[in-house]
Amino acid sequence: RNNDERGRSARLVARKLDELRKHEGKLSNWVNLEHGGKL
């Protein structure tokens, strides 16, 4: 909820993780990343 760079970064990370969750599956398991790694 911060109106600064840290708040922007936190919201961006949340959106990216949500996209991974929707397309790759549960984040409690290893999900594939575009560069070949896992998260």
PDB file of all heavy atoms in Angstrom:
ATOM      1  N   ARG A   1       0.814  -1.222   0.000  1.00  0.00           N
ATOM      2  CA  ARG A   1       0.000   0.000   0.000  1.00  0.00           C
ATOM      3  C   ARG A   1       0.843   1.264   0.000  1.00  0.00           C
ATOM      4  O   ARG A   1       0.297   2.365  -0.049  1.00  0.00           O
ATOM      5  CB  ARG A   1      -0.960   0.001   1.201  1.00  0.00           C
ATOM      6  CG  ARG A   1      -2.044  -1.074   1.116  1.00  0.00           C
ATOM      7  CD  ARG A   1      -2.995  -0.991   2.307  1.00  0.00           C
ATOM      8  NE  ARG A   1      -4.077  -1.949   2.179  1.00  0.00           N
ATOM      9  CZ  ARG A   1      -3.996  -3.202   2.555  1.00  0.00           C
ATOM     10  NH1 ARG A   1      -2.847  -3.659   3.100  1.00  0.00           N
ATOM     11  NH2 ARG A   1      -5.022  -4.026   2.420  1.00  0.00           N
ATOM     12  N   ASN A   2       2.148   1.127   0.048  1.00  0.00           N
ATOM     13  CA  ASN A   2       3.024   2.304   0.051  1.00  0.00           C
ATOM     14  C   ASN A   2       2.995   3.009  -1.302  1.00  0.00           C
ATOM     15  O   ASN A   2       3.023   2.365  -2.352  1.00  0.00           O
ATOM     16  CB  ASN A   2       4.467   1.906   0.373  1.00  0.00           C
ATOM     17  CG  ASN A   2       4.660   1.501   1.818  1.00  0.00           C
ATOM     18  OD1 ASN A   2       3.700   1.250   2.546  1.00  0.00           O
ATOM     19  ND2 ASN A   2       5.912   1.437   2.244  1.00  0.00           N
ATOM     20  N   ASN A   3       2.936   4.310  -1.258  1.00  0.00           N
ATOM     21  CA  ASN A   3       2.929   5.099  -2.497  1.00  0.00           C
ATOM     22  C   ASN A   3       4.343   5.526  -2.853  1.00  0.00           C
ATOM     23  O   ASN A   3       4.624   6.689  -3.094  1.00  0.00           O
ATOM     24  CB  ASN A   3       2.023   6.322  -2.336  1.00  0.00           C
ATOM     25  CG  ASN A   3       1.740   7.015  -3.650  1.00  0.00           C
ATOM     26  OD1 ASN A   3       1.776   6.399  -4.714  1.00  0.00           O
ATOM     27  ND2 ASN A   3       1.491   8.302  -3.576  1.00  0.00           N
ATOM     28  N   ASP A   4       5.258   4.572  -2.904  1.00  0.00           N
ATOM     29  CA  ASP A   4       6.642   4.856  -3.253  1.00  0.00           C
ATOM     30  C   ASP A   4       7.198   3.704  -4.075  1.00  0.00           C
ATOM     31  O   ASP A   4       6.451   2.816  -4.503  1.00  0.00           O
ATOM     32  CB  ASP A   4       7.502   5.092  -1.997  1.00  0.00           C
ATOM     33  CG  ASP A   4       7.447   3.926  -1.000  1.00  0.00           C
ATOM     34  OD1 ASP A   4       6.978   2.818  -1.373  1.00  0.00           O
ATOM     35  OD2 ASP A   4       7.891   4.102   0.160  1.00  0.00           O
ATOM     36  N   GLU A   5       8.512   3.718  -4.311  1.00  0.00           N
ATOM     37  CA  GLU A   5       9.123   2.694  -5.152  1.00  0.00           C
ATOM     38  C   GLU A   5       9.006   1.309  -4.530  1.00  0.00           C
ATOM     39  O   GLU A   5       8.816   0.321  -5.232  1.00  0.00           O
ATOM     40  CB  GLU A   5      10.590   3.036  -5.404  1.00  0.00           C
ATOM     41  CG  GLU A   5      11.263   2.195  -6.489  1.00  0.00           C
ATOM     42  CD  GLU A   5      10.703   2.461  -7.864  1.00  0.00           C
ATOM     43  OE1 GLU A   5      10.060   3.518  -8.050  1.00  0.00           O
ATOM     44  OE2 GLU A   5      10.902   1.622  -8.752  1.00  0.00           O
ATOM     45  N   ARG A   6       9.124   1.227  -3.203  1.00  0.00           N
ATOM     46  CA  ARG A   6       8.995  -0.076  -2.553  1.00  0.00           C
ATOM     47  C   ARG A   6       7.587  -0.635  -2.715  1.00  0.00           C
ATOM     48  O   ARG A   6       7.421  -1.844  -2.924  1.00  0.00           O
ATOM     49  CB  ARG A   6       9.369   0.031  -1.075  1.00  0.00           C
ATOM     50  CG  ARG A   6      10.843   0.322  -0.833  1.00  0.00           C
ATOM     51  CD  ARG A   6      11.206   0.270   0.626  1.00  0.00           C
ATOM     52  NE  ARG A   6      10.453   1.245   1.414  1.00  0.00           N
ATOM     53  CZ  ARG A   6      10.574   1.378   2.724  1.00  0.00           C
ATOM     54  NH1 ARG A   6      11.419   0.610   3.400  1.00  0.00           N
ATOM     55  NH2 ARG A   6       9.869   2.293   3.371  1.00  0.00           N
ATOM     56  N   GLY A   7       6.591   0.233  -2.616  1.00  0.00           N
ATOM     57  CA  GLY A   7       5.221  -0.200  -2.826  1.00  0.00           C
ATOM     58  C   GLY A   7       4.993  -0.675  -4.251  1.00  0.00           C
ATOM     59  O   GLY A   7       4.325  -1.690  -4.487  1.00  0.00           O
ATOM     60  N   ARG A   8       5.561   0.028  -5.208  1.00  0.00           N
ATOM     61  CA  ARG A   8       5.433  -0.365  -6.607  1.00  0.00           C
ATOM     62  C   ARG A   8       6.080  -1.720  -6.839  1.00  0.00           C
ATOM     63  O   ARG A   8       5.523  -2.581  -7.503  1.00  0.00           O
ATOM     64  CB  ARG A   8       6.091   0.687  -7.498  1.00  0.00           C
ATOM     65  CG  ARG A   8       5.889   0.430  -8.989  1.00  0.00           C
ATOM     66  CD  ARG A   8       6.895   1.196  -9.814  1.00  0.00           C
ATOM     67  NE  ARG A   8       8.221   0.622  -9.690  1.00  0.00           N
ATOM     68  CZ  ARG A   8       8.701  -0.368 -10.446  1.00  0.00           C
ATOM     69  NH1 ARG A   8       7.953  -0.911 -11.377  1.00  0.00           N
ATOM     70  NH2 ARG A   8       9.920  -0.809 -10.262  1.00  0.00           N
ATOM     71  N   SER A   9       7.268  -1.911  -6.276  1.00  0.00           N
ATOM     72  CA  SER A   9       7.968  -3.186  -6.435  1.00  0.00           C
ATOM     73  C   SER A   9       7.174  -4.335  -5.818  1.00  0.00           C
ATOM     74  O   SER A   9       7.066  -5.415  -6.406  1.00  0.00           O
ATOM     75  CB  SER A   9       9.356  -3.108  -5.802  1.00  0.00           C
ATOM     76  OG  SER A   9      10.172  -2.159  -6.457  1.00  0.00           O
ATOM     77  N   ALA A  10       6.620  -4.097  -4.621  1.00  0.00           N
ATOM     78  CA  ALA A  10       5.840  -5.139  -3.945  1.00  0.00           C
ATOM     79  C   ALA A  10       4.628  -5.539  -4.772  1.00  0.00           C
ATOM     80  O   ALA A  10       4.307  -6.726  -4.895  1.00  0.00           O
ATOM     81  CB  ALA A  10       5.415  -4.657  -2.561  1.00  0.00           C
ATOM     82  N   ARG A  11       3.946  -4.569  -5.347  1.00  0.00           N
ATOM     83  CA  ARG A  11       2.763  -4.867  -6.164  1.00  0.00           C
ATOM     84  C   ARG A  11       3.138  -5.581  -7.454  1.00  0.00           C
ATOM     85  O   ARG A  11       2.433  -6.494  -7.900  1.00  0.00           O
ATOM     86  CB  ARG A  11       2.002  -3.567  -6.454  1.00  0.00           C
ATOM     87  CG  ARG A  11       1.368  -2.936  -5.227  1.00  0.00           C
ATOM     88  CD  ARG A  11       0.481  -1.766  -5.595  1.00  0.00           C
ATOM     89  NE  ARG A  11       1.220  -0.633  -6.141  1.00  0.00           N
ATOM     90  CZ  ARG A  11       1.746   0.348  -5.398  1.00  0.00           C
ATOM     91  NH1 ARG A  11       1.635   0.309  -4.074  1.00  0.00           N
ATOM     92  NH2 ARG A  11       2.387   1.359  -5.960  1.00  0.00           N
ATOM     93  N   LEU A  12       4.258  -5.183  -8.057  1.00  0.00           N
ATOM     94  CA  LEU A  12       4.705  -5.834  -9.288  1.00  0.00           C
ATOM     95  C   LEU A  12       5.058  -7.293  -9.040  1.00  0.00           C
ATOM     96  O   LEU A  12       4.700  -8.179  -9.824  1.00  0.00           O
ATOM     97  CB  LEU A  12       5.907  -5.086  -9.862  1.00  0.00           C
ATOM     98  CG  LEU A  12       6.538  -5.676 -11.137  1.00  0.00           C
ATOM     99  CD1 LEU A  12       5.512  -5.767 -12.259  1.00  0.00           C
ATOM    100  CD2 LEU A  12       7.744  -4.840 -11.589  1.00  0.00           C
ATOM    101  N   VAL A  13       5.758  -7.564  -7.940  1.00  0.00           N
ATOM    102  CA  VAL A  13       6.107  -8.948  -7.607  1.00  0.00           C
ATOM    103  C   VAL A  13       4.855  -9.781  -7.389  1.00  0.00           C
ATOM    104  O   VAL A  13       4.765 -10.920  -7.850  1.00  0.00           O
ATOM    105  CB  VAL A  13       7.010  -8.984  -6.355  1.00  0.00           C
ATOM    106  CG1 VAL A  13       7.203 -10.424  -5.880  1.00  0.00           C
ATOM    107  CG2 VAL A  13       8.360  -8.361  -6.668  1.00  0.00           C
ATOM    108  N   ALA A  14       3.880  -9.209  -6.707  1.00  0.00           N
ATOM    109  CA  ALA A  14       2.625  -9.924  -6.456  1.00  0.00           C
ATOM    110  C   ALA A  14       1.941 -10.303  -7.770  1.00  0.00           C
ATOM    111  O   ALA A  14       1.438 -11.423  -7.926  1.00  0.00           O
ATOM    112  CB  ALA A  14       1.702  -9.078  -5.589  1.00  0.00           C
ATOM    113  N   ARG A  15       1.933  -9.373  -8.735  1.00  0.00           N
ATOM    114  CA  ARG A  15       1.302  -9.653 -10.029  1.00  0.00           C
ATOM    115  C   ARG A  15       2.062 -10.741 -10.782  1.00  0.00           C
ATOM    116  O   ARG A  15       1.456 -11.634 -11.383  1.00  0.00           O
ATOM    117  CB  ARG A  15       1.226  -8.372 -10.867  1.00  0.00           C
ATOM    118  CG  ARG A  15       0.225  -7.352 -10.368  1.00  0.00           C
ATOM    119  CD  ARG A  15      -0.046  -6.290 -11.410  1.00  0.00           C
ATOM    120  NE  ARG A  15       1.126  -5.493 -11.717  1.00  0.00           N
ATOM    121  CZ  ARG A  15       1.473  -4.379 -11.070  1.00  0.00           C
ATOM    122  NH1 ARG A  15       0.705  -3.933 -10.083  1.00  0.00           N
ATOM    123  NH2 ARG A  15       2.545  -3.699 -11.419  1.00  0.00           N
ATOM    124  N   LYS A  16       3.392 -10.675 -10.751  1.00  0.00           N
ATOM    125  CA  LYS A  16       4.198 -11.674 -11.447  1.00  0.00           C
ATOM    126  C   LYS A  16       4.002 -13.070 -10.836  1.00  0.00           C
ATOM    127  O   LYS A  16       3.887 -14.071 -11.557  1.00  0.00           O
ATOM    128  CB  LYS A  16       5.677 -11.281 -11.402  1.00  0.00           C
ATOM    129  CG  LYS A  16       6.028 -10.046 -12.228  1.00  0.00           C
ATOM    130  CD  LYS A  16       5.808 -10.300 -13.711  1.00  0.00           C
ATOM    131  CE  LYS A  16       6.209  -9.087 -14.544  1.00  0.00           C
ATOM    132  NZ  LYS A  16       5.972  -9.334 -16.005  1.00  0.00           N
ATOM    133  N   LEU A  17       3.955 -13.141  -9.518  1.00  0.00           N
ATOM    134  CA  LEU A  17       3.735 -14.431  -8.858  1.00  0.00           C
ATOM    135  C   LEU A  17       2.344 -14.972  -9.145  1.00  0.00           C
ATOM    136  O   LEU A  17       2.155 -16.181  -9.316  1.00  0.00           O
ATOM    137  CB  LEU A  17       3.959 -14.291  -7.351  1.00  0.00           C
ATOM    138  CG  LEU A  17       5.408 -14.041  -6.896  1.00  0.00           C
ATOM    139  CD1 LEU A  17       5.453 -13.818  -5.395  1.00  0.00           C
ATOM    140  CD2 LEU A  17       6.310 -15.207  -7.293  1.00  0.00           C
ATOM    141  N   ASP A  18       1.380 -14.075  -9.200  1.00  0.00           N
ATOM    142  CA  ASP A  18       0.013 -14.510  -9.510  1.00  0.00           C
ATOM    143  C   ASP A  18      -0.079 -15.064 -10.932  1.00  0.00           C
ATOM    144  O   ASP A  18      -0.778 -16.048 -11.182  1.00  0.00           O
ATOM    145  CB  ASP A  18      -0.961 -13.345  -9.326  1.00  0.00           C
ATOM    146  CG  ASP A  18      -2.427 -13.785  -9.356  1.00  0.00           C
ATOM    147  OD1 ASP A  18      -2.769 -14.750  -8.645  1.00  0.00           O
ATOM    148  OD2 ASP A  18      -3.210 -13.170 -10.094  1.00  0.00           O
ATOM    149  N   GLU A  19       0.639 -14.431 -11.876  1.00  0.00           N
ATOM    150  CA  GLU A  19       0.668 -14.947 -13.246  1.00  0.00           C
ATOM    151  C   GLU A  19       1.296 -16.337 -13.299  1.00  0.00           C
ATOM    152  O   GLU A  19       0.799 -17.227 -14.001  1.00  0.00           O
ATOM    153  CB  GLU A  19       1.452 -13.982 -14.137  1.00  0.00           C
ATOM    154  CG  GLU A  19       0.753 -12.660 -14.398  1.00  0.00           C
ATOM    155  CD  GLU A  19       1.624 -11.695 -15.183  1.00  0.00           C
ATOM    156  OE1 GLU A  19       2.720 -12.123 -15.635  1.00  0.00           O
ATOM    157  OE2 GLU A  19       1.231 -10.516 -15.338  1.00  0.00           O
ATOM    158  N   LEU A  20       2.398 -16.529 -12.559  1.00  0.00           N
ATOM    159  CA  LEU A  20       3.025 -17.848 -12.516  1.00  0.00           C
ATOM    160  C   LEU A  20       2.082 -18.883 -11.919  1.00  0.00           C
ATOM    161  O   LEU A  20       2.005 -20.019 -12.386  1.00  0.00           O
ATOM    162  CB  LEU A  20       4.311 -17.785 -11.686  1.00  0.00           C
ATOM    163  CG  LEU A  20       5.537 -17.143 -12.340  1.00  0.00           C
ATOM    164  CD1 LEU A  20       6.672 -17.029 -11.330  1.00  0.00           C
ATOM    165  CD2 LEU A  20       5.994 -17.965 -13.552  1.00  0.00           C
ATOM    166  N   ARG A  21       1.369 -18.488 -10.874  1.00  0.00           N
ATOM    167  CA  ARG A  21       0.432 -19.403 -10.224  1.00  0.00           C
ATOM    168  C   ARG A  21      -0.672 -19.849 -11.176  1.00  0.00           C
ATOM    169  O   ARG A  21      -1.051 -21.015 -11.222  1.00  0.00           O
ATOM    170  CB  ARG A  21      -0.166 -18.727  -8.994  1.00  0.00           C
ATOM    171  CG  ARG A  21      -1.135 -19.572  -8.197  1.00  0.00           C
ATOM    172  CD  ARG A  21      -1.775 -18.756  -7.085  1.00  0.00           C
ATOM    173  NE  ARG A  21      -2.520 -17.620  -7.601  1.00  0.00           N
ATOM    174  CZ  ARG A  21      -3.760 -17.717  -8.100  1.00  0.00           C
ATOM    175  NH1 ARG A  21      -4.372 -18.896  -8.155  1.00  0.00           N
ATOM    176  NH2 ARG A  21      -4.380 -16.633  -8.539  1.00  0.00           N
ATOM    177  N   LYS A  22      -1.172 -18.902 -11.982  1.00  0.00           N
ATOM    178  CA  LYS A  22      -2.263 -19.203 -12.910  1.00  0.00           C
ATOM    179  C   LYS A  22      -1.809 -20.084 -14.068  1.00  0.00           C
ATOM    180  O   LYS A  22      -2.546 -20.971 -14.507  1.00  0.00           O
ATOM    181  CB  LYS A  22      -2.855 -17.905 -13.451  1.00  0.00           C
ATOM    182  CG  LYS A  22      -3.643 -17.097 -12.420  1.00  0.00           C
ATOM    183  CD  LYS A  22      -4.154 -15.807 -13.036  1.00  0.00           C
ATOM    184  CE  LYS A  22      -4.963 -15.001 -12.016  1.00  0.00           C
ATOM    185  NZ  LYS A  22      -5.420 -13.697 -12.588  1.00  0.00           N
ATOM    186  N   HIS A  23      -0.600 -19.846 -14.571  1.00  0.00           N
ATOM    187  CA  HIS A  23      -0.154 -20.534 -15.778  1.00  0.00           C
ATOM    188  C   HIS A  23       0.702 -21.770 -15.511  1.00  0.00           C
ATOM    189  O   HIS A  23       0.763 -22.677 -16.342  1.00  0.00           O
ATOM    190  CB  HIS A  23       0.627 -19.565 -16.676  1.00  0.00           C
ATOM    191  CG  HIS A  23      -0.204 -18.430 -17.203  1.00  0.00           C
ATOM    192  ND1 HIS A  23      -0.155 -17.177 -16.663  1.00  0.00           N
ATOM    193  CD2 HIS A  23      -1.096 -18.377 -18.232  1.00  0.00           C
ATOM    194  CE1 HIS A  23      -0.994 -16.378 -17.330  1.00  0.00           C
ATOM    195  NE2 HIS A  23      -1.577 -17.087 -18.284  1.00  0.00           N
ATOM    196  N   GLU A  24       1.395 -21.818 -14.380  1.00  0.00           N
ATOM    197  CA  GLU A  24       2.332 -22.911 -14.136  1.00  0.00           C
ATOM    198  C   GLU A  24       1.926 -23.830 -12.989  1.00  0.00           C
ATOM    199  O   GLU A  24       2.491 -24.911 -12.834  1.00  0.00           O
ATOM    200  CB  GLU A  24       3.733 -22.339 -13.854  1.00  0.00           C
ATOM    201  CG  GLU A  24       4.317 -21.518 -14.996  1.00  0.00           C
ATOM    202  CD  GLU A  24       4.589 -22.339 -16.233  1.00  0.00           C
ATOM    203  OE1 GLU A  24       4.769 -23.585 -16.100  1.00  0.00           O
ATOM    204  OE2 GLU A  24       4.622 -21.763 -17.343  1.00  0.00           O
ATOM    205  N   GLY A  25       0.976 -23.397 -12.165  1.00  0.00           N
ATOM    206  CA  GLY A  25       0.520 -24.249 -11.077  1.00  0.00           C
ATOM    207  C   GLY A  25       0.856 -23.692  -9.705  1.00  0.00           C
ATOM    208  O   GLY A  25       1.282 -22.546  -9.560  1.00  0.00           O
ATOM    209  N   LYS A  26       0.649 -24.492  -8.671  1.00  0.00           N
ATOM    210  CA  LYS A  26       0.841 -24.063  -7.293  1.00  0.00           C
ATOM    211  C   LYS A  26       2.288 -23.670  -7.023  1.00  0.00           C
ATOM    212  O   LYS A  26       3.219 -24.393  -7.379  1.00  0.00           O
ATOM    213  CB  LYS A  26       0.417 -25.173  -6.332  1.00  0.00           C
ATOM    214  CG  LYS A  26      -1.078 -25.506  -6.374  1.00  0.00           C
ATOM    215  CD  LYS A  26      -1.409 -26.587  -5.379  1.00  0.00           C
ATOM    216  CE  LYS A  26      -2.911 -26.904  -5.405  1.00  0.00           C
ATOM    217  NZ  LYS A  26      -3.236 -27.986  -4.419  1.00  0.00           N
ATOM    218  N   LEU A  27       2.461 -22.523  -6.335  1.00  0.00           N
ATOM    219  CA  LEU A  27       3.798 -22.031  -6.028  1.00  0.00           C
ATOM    220  C   LEU A  27       4.441 -22.789  -4.872  1.00  0.00           C
ATOM    221  O   LEU A  27       5.627 -22.618  -4.598  1.00  0.00           O
ATOM    222  CB  LEU A  27       3.760 -20.531  -5.706  1.00  0.00           C
ATOM    223  CG  LEU A  27       3.278 -19.609  -6.828  1.00  0.00           C
ATOM    224  CD1 LEU A  27       3.283 -18.156  -6.382  1.00  0.00           C
ATOM    225  CD2 LEU A  27       4.137 -19.770  -8.076  1.00  0.00           C
ATOM    226  N   SER A  28       3.645 -23.629  -4.193  1.00  0.00           N
ATOM    227  CA  SER A  28       4.219 -24.476  -3.153  1.00  0.00           C
ATOM    228  C   SER A  28       5.040 -25.607  -3.758  1.00  0.00           C
ATOM    229  O   SER A  28       5.809 -26.261  -3.054  1.00  0.00           O
ATOM    230  CB  SER A  28       3.109 -25.047  -2.261  1.00  0.00           C
ATOM    231  OG  SER A  28       2.144 -25.756  -3.040  1.00  0.00           O
ATOM    232  N   ASN A  29       4.861 -25.833  -5.057  1.00  0.00           N
ATOM    233  CA  ASN A  29       5.691 -26.770  -5.816  1.00  0.00           C
ATOM    234  C   ASN A  29       6.574 -25.976  -6.778  1.00  0.00           C
ATOM    235  O   ASN A  29       6.360 -24.782  -7.001  1.00  0.00           O
ATOM    236  CB  ASN A  29       4.815 -27.751  -6.602  1.00  0.00           C
ATOM    237  CG  ASN A  29       3.899 -28.557  -5.700  1.00  0.00           C
ATOM    238  OD1 ASN A  29       4.296 -29.030  -4.638  1.00  0.00           O
ATOM    239  ND2 ASN A  29       2.629 -28.708  -6.102  1.00  0.00           N
ATOM    240  N   TRP A  30       7.555 -26.624  -7.349  1.00  0.00           N
ATOM    241  CA  TRP A  30       8.421 -25.960  -8.312  1.00  0.00           C
ATOM    242  C   TRP A  30       7.644 -25.624  -9.577  1.00  0.00           C
ATOM    243  O   TRP A  30       6.986 -26.476 -10.141  1.00  0.00           O
ATOM    244  CB  TRP A  30       9.620 -26.834  -8.680  1.00  0.00           C
ATOM    245  CG  TRP A  30      10.608 -27.027  -7.564  1.00  0.00           C
ATOM    246  CD1 TRP A  30      10.821 -28.173  -6.849  1.00  0.00           C
ATOM    247  CD2 TRP A  30      11.504 -26.054  -7.040  1.00  0.00           C
ATOM    248  NE1 TRP A  30      11.796 -27.980  -5.908  1.00  0.00           N
ATOM    249  CE2 TRP A  30      12.243 -26.665  -6.011  1.00  0.00           C
ATOM    250  CE3 TRP A  30      11.768 -24.713  -7.331  1.00  0.00           C
ATOM    251  CZ2 TRP A  30      13.207 -26.013  -5.265  1.00  0.00           C
ATOM    252  CZ3 TRP A  30      12.741 -24.059  -6.593  1.00  0.00           C
ATOM    253  CH2 TRP A  30      13.442 -24.695  -5.583  1.00  0.00           C
ATOM    254  N   VAL A  31       7.689 -24.361  -9.993  1.00  0.00           N
ATOM    255  CA  VAL A  31       7.056 -23.945 -11.248  1.00  0.00           C
ATOM    256  C   VAL A  31       8.148 -23.501 -12.216  1.00  0.00           C
ATOM    257  O   VAL A  31       9.202 -23.016 -11.802  1.00  0.00           O
ATOM    258  CB  VAL A  31       6.036 -22.812 -11.031  1.00  0.00           C
ATOM    259  CG1 VAL A  31       4.894 -23.281 -10.133  1.00  0.00           C
ATOM    260  CG2 VAL A  31       6.696 -21.567 -10.447  1.00  0.00           C
ATOM    261  N   ASN A  32       7.894 -23.688 -13.489  1.00  0.00           N
ATOM    262  CA  ASN A  32       8.884 -23.390 -14.516  1.00  0.00           C
ATOM    263  C   ASN A  32       8.930 -21.893 -14.836  1.00  0.00           C
ATOM    264  O   ASN A  32       7.893 -21.219 -14.893  1.00  0.00           O
ATOM    265  CB  ASN A  32       8.581 -24.169 -15.802  1.00  0.00           C
ATOM    266  CG  ASN A  32       8.713 -25.674 -15.610  1.00  0.00           C
ATOM    267  OD1 ASN A  32       9.644 -26.155 -14.952  1.00  0.00           O
ATOM    268  ND2 ASN A  32       7.769 -26.435 -16.177  1.00  0.00           N
ATOM    269  N   LEU A  33      10.141 -21.383 -15.053  1.00  0.00           N
ATOM    270  CA  LEU A  33      10.355 -20.014 -15.492  1.00  0.00           C
ATOM    271  C   LEU A  33      10.781 -20.004 -16.951  1.00  0.00           C
ATOM    272  O   LEU A  33      11.275 -21.003 -17.474  1.00  0.00           O
ATOM    273  CB  LEU A  33      11.423 -19.333 -14.628  1.00  0.00           C
ATOM    274  CG  LEU A  33      11.133 -19.270 -13.120  1.00  0.00           C
ATOM    275  CD1 LEU A  33      12.319 -18.677 -12.380  1.00  0.00           C
ATOM    276  CD2 LEU A  33       9.871 -18.475 -12.850  1.00  0.00           C
ATOM    277  N   GLU A  34      10.620 -18.853 -17.608  1.00  0.00           N
ATOM    278  CA  GLU A  34      10.891 -18.761 -19.043  1.00  0.00           C
ATOM    279  C   GLU A  34      12.342 -19.067 -19.386  1.00  0.00           C
ATOM    280  O   GLU A  34      12.629 -19.624 -20.444  1.00  0.00           O
ATOM    281  CB  GLU A  34      10.536 -17.365 -19.562  1.00  0.00           C
ATOM    282  CG  GLU A  34       9.036 -17.090 -19.595  1.00  0.00           C
ATOM    283  CD  GLU A  34       8.741 -15.729 -20.182  1.00  0.00           C
ATOM    284  OE1 GLU A  34       9.706 -15.055 -20.617  1.00  0.00           O
ATOM    285  OE2 GLU A  34       7.567 -15.334 -20.221  1.00  0.00           O
ATOM    286  N   HIS A  35      13.275 -18.718 -18.517  1.00  0.00           N
ATOM    287  CA  HIS A  35      14.690 -18.906 -18.813  1.00  0.00           C
ATOM    288  C   HIS A  35      15.178 -20.327 -18.547  1.00  0.00           C
ATOM    289  O   HIS A  35      16.352 -20.618 -18.666  1.00  0.00           O
ATOM    290  CB  HIS A  35      15.555 -17.917 -18.041  1.00  0.00           C
ATOM    291  CG  HIS A  35      15.341 -17.935 -16.544  1.00  0.00           C
ATOM    292  ND1 HIS A  35      15.576 -19.038 -15.765  1.00  0.00           N
ATOM    293  CD2 HIS A  35      14.909 -16.971 -15.712  1.00  0.00           C
ATOM    294  CE1 HIS A  35      15.302 -18.756 -14.505  1.00  0.00           C
ATOM    295  NE2 HIS A  35      14.898 -17.510 -14.436  1.00  0.00           N
ATOM    296  N   GLY A  36      14.274 -21.196 -18.160  1.00  0.00           N
ATOM    297  CA  GLY A  36      14.645 -22.581 -17.913  1.00  0.00           C
ATOM    298  C   GLY A  36      14.831 -22.935 -16.461  1.00  0.00           C
ATOM    299  O   GLY A  36      15.005 -24.110 -16.117  1.00  0.00           O
ATOM    300  N   GLY A  37      14.786 -21.955 -15.584  1.00  0.00           N
ATOM    301  CA  GLY A  37      14.907 -22.222 -14.167  1.00  0.00           C
ATOM    302  C   GLY A  37      13.566 -22.574 -13.543  1.00  0.00           C
ATOM    303  O   GLY A  37      12.544 -22.734 -14.219  1.00  0.00           O
ATOM    304  N   LYS A  38      13.547 -22.671 -12.215  1.00  0.00           N
ATOM    305  CA  LYS A  38      12.337 -22.987 -11.471  1.00  0.00           C
ATOM    306  C   LYS A  38      12.204 -22.055 -10.275  1.00  0.00           C
ATOM    307  O   LYS A  38      13.194 -21.514  -9.777  1.00  0.00           O
ATOM    308  CB  LYS A  38      12.345 -24.452 -11.018  1.00  0.00           C
ATOM    309  CG  LYS A  38      12.317 -25.466 -12.153  1.00  0.00           C
ATOM    310  CD  LYS A  38      12.336 -26.887 -11.621  1.00  0.00           C
ATOM    311  CE  LYS A  38      12.297 -27.918 -12.754  1.00  0.00           C
ATOM    312  NZ  LYS A  38      11.001 -27.879 -13.478  1.00  0.00           N
ATOM    313  N   LEU A  39      10.980 -21.909  -9.805  1.00  0.00           N
ATOM    314  CA  LEU A  39      10.716 -21.038  -8.662  1.00  0.00           C
ATOM    315  C   LEU A  39       9.745 -21.716  -7.714  1.00  0.00           C
ATOM    316  O   LEU A  39       8.854 -22.465  -8.133  1.00  0.00           O
ATOM    317  CB  LEU A  39      10.153 -19.680  -9.115  1.00  0.00           C
ATOM    318  CG  LEU A  39       9.840 -18.664  -8.013  1.00  0.00           C
ATOM    319  CD1 LEU A  39      10.250 -17.257  -8.438  1.00  0.00           C
ATOM    320  CD2 LEU A  39       8.355 -18.651  -7.640  1.00  0.00           C
TER     321      LEU A  39
END
